[in-house]
Amino acid sequence: MFVDCRPGKFPHLTRSGIYVGDDLLPQLTWPSDHQPRVDTVIADIATPPGLPVTLMSWSSGLVLAART
């Protein structure tokens, strides 16, 4: 799934699939409550064992995760 809108930007990955998310690096256009959401999703997505995750500091910041 690719998610590029609020508030559904950071759902929990509960089923098999590939998750691609963007806008993980701070941006001037973010609302004040967005940074804590980004921090939470980065911590949450990197925690489950067996969930390959790649965080990229490219462009606006990307994450790629897969669950089988």
C-alpha atoms as a PDB file:
ATOM      1  CA  MET A   1       0.000   0.000   0.000  1.00  0.00           C
ATOM      2  CA  PHE A   2       1.149   3.543  -0.642  1.00  0.00           C
ATOM      3  CA  VAL A   3      -0.236   6.181   1.668  1.00  0.00           C
ATOM      4  CA  ASP A   4       0.225   9.871   0.976  1.00  0.00           C
ATOM      5  CA  CYS A   5      -2.467  11.714   2.883  1.00  0.00           C
ATOM      6  CA  ARG A   6      -3.396  12.538   6.454  1.00  0.00           C
ATOM      7  CA  PRO A   7      -4.825  11.105   8.715  1.00  0.00           C
ATOM      8  CA  GLY A   8      -4.435   7.644   7.140  1.00  0.00           C
ATOM      9  CA  LYS A   9      -0.755   8.119   6.442  1.00  0.00           C
ATOM     10  CA  PHE A  10       0.523   5.807   9.144  1.00  0.00           C
ATOM     11  CA  PRO A  11      -1.785   2.812   9.600  1.00  0.00           C
ATOM     12  CA  HIS A  12      -0.544  -0.305  11.326  1.00  0.00           C
ATOM     13  CA  LEU A  13       0.609  -2.924   8.870  1.00  0.00           C
ATOM     14  CA  THR A  14      -1.509  -5.857  10.053  1.00  0.00           C
ATOM     15  CA  ARG A  15      -1.858  -7.903   6.878  1.00  0.00           C
ATOM     16  CA  SER A  16       0.588  -9.245   4.351  1.00  0.00           C
ATOM     17  CA  GLY A  17       1.812  -6.630   1.942  1.00  0.00           C
ATOM     18  CA  ILE A  18       4.296  -3.923   1.150  1.00  0.00           C
ATOM     19  CA  TYR A  19       4.070  -0.535   2.813  1.00  0.00           C
ATOM     20  CA  VAL A  20       5.642   2.559   1.244  1.00  0.00           C
ATOM     21  CA  GLY A  21       5.436   5.816   3.143  1.00  0.00           C
ATOM     22  CA  ASP A  22       6.894   9.234   2.501  1.00  0.00           C
ATOM     23  CA  ASP A  23       7.308  12.602   4.198  1.00  0.00           C
ATOM     24  CA  LEU A  24       9.357  11.285   7.108  1.00  0.00           C
ATOM     25  CA  LEU A  25      11.828  14.177   7.168  1.00  0.00           C
ATOM     26  CA  PRO A  26      10.717  17.475   8.758  1.00  0.00           C
ATOM     27  CA  GLN A  27       9.036  19.890   6.369  1.00  0.00           C
ATOM     28  CA  LEU A  28       7.977  23.497   6.835  1.00  0.00           C
ATOM     29  CA  THR A  29       4.426  22.667   5.745  1.00  0.00           C
ATOM     30  CA  TRP A  30       3.809  20.077   8.497  1.00  0.00           C
ATOM     31  CA  PRO A  31       1.121  20.826  11.064  1.00  0.00           C
ATOM     32  CA  SER A  32       2.450  21.007  14.622  1.00  0.00           C
ATOM     33  CA  ASP A  33       1.105  17.537  15.524  1.00  0.00           C
ATOM     34  CA  HIS A  34       2.762  15.681  12.636  1.00  0.00           C
ATOM     35  CA  GLN A  35       6.322  15.215  13.998  1.00  0.00           C
ATOM     36  CA  PRO A  36       5.142  13.051  16.932  1.00  0.00           C
ATOM     37  CA  ARG A  37       3.227  10.857  14.447  1.00  0.00           C
ATOM     38  CA  VAL A  38       6.347  10.401  12.346  1.00  0.00           C
ATOM     39  CA  ASP A  39       8.429   9.558  15.420  1.00  0.00           C
ATOM     40  CA  THR A  40       5.836   7.000  16.541  1.00  0.00           C
ATOM     41  CA  VAL A  41       5.544   5.260  13.185  1.00  0.00           C
ATOM     42  CA  ILE A  42       9.311   5.005  12.788  1.00  0.00           C
ATOM     43  CA  ALA A  43       9.579   3.420  16.236  1.00  0.00           C
ATOM     44  CA  ASP A  44       6.555   1.141  15.697  1.00  0.00           C
ATOM     45  CA  ILE A  45       7.450  -0.060  12.214  1.00  0.00           C
ATOM     46  CA  ALA A  46      11.011  -0.944  13.210  1.00  0.00           C
ATOM     47  CA  THR A  47       9.920  -2.962  16.284  1.00  0.00           C
ATOM     48  CA  PRO A  48       8.114  -6.120  15.060  1.00  0.00           C
ATOM     49  CA  PRO A  49      10.435  -9.054  14.349  1.00  0.00           C
ATOM     50  CA  GLY A  50      10.166 -10.439  10.844  1.00  0.00           C
ATOM     51  CA  LEU A  51       9.180  -7.102   9.322  1.00  0.00           C
ATOM     52  CA  PRO A  52      11.947  -6.007   6.938  1.00  0.00           C
ATOM     53  CA  VAL A  53      12.156  -2.217   7.046  1.00  0.00           C
ATOM     54  CA  THR A  54      14.253   0.243   5.069  1.00  0.00           C
ATOM     55  CA  LEU A  55      14.292   3.898   6.116  1.00  0.00           C
ATOM     56  CA  MET A  56      15.698   6.288   3.515  1.00  0.00           C
ATOM     57  CA  SER A  57      16.809   9.875   4.084  1.00  0.00           C
ATOM     58  CA  TRP A  58      16.131  10.675   0.461  1.00  0.00           C
ATOM     59  CA  SER A  59      13.842  13.381  -0.867  1.00  0.00           C
ATOM     60  CA  SER A  60      11.148  13.845   1.802  1.00  0.00           C
ATOM     61  CA  GLY A  61      12.177  10.711   3.711  1.00  0.00           C
ATOM     62  CA  LEU A  62      10.849   7.283   2.757  1.00  0.00           C
ATOM     63  CA  VAL A  63      10.083   3.993   4.442  1.00  0.00           C
ATOM     64  CA  LEU A  64       9.665   0.631   2.773  1.00  0.00           C
ATOM     65  CA  ALA A  65       8.410  -2.315   4.824  1.00  0.00           C
ATOM     66  CA  ALA A  66       7.095  -5.770   3.951  1.00  0.00           C
ATOM     67  CA  ARG A  67       5.107  -8.340   5.876  1.00  0.00           C
ATOM     68  CA  THR A  68       4.529 -11.861   4.590  1.00  0.00           C
END
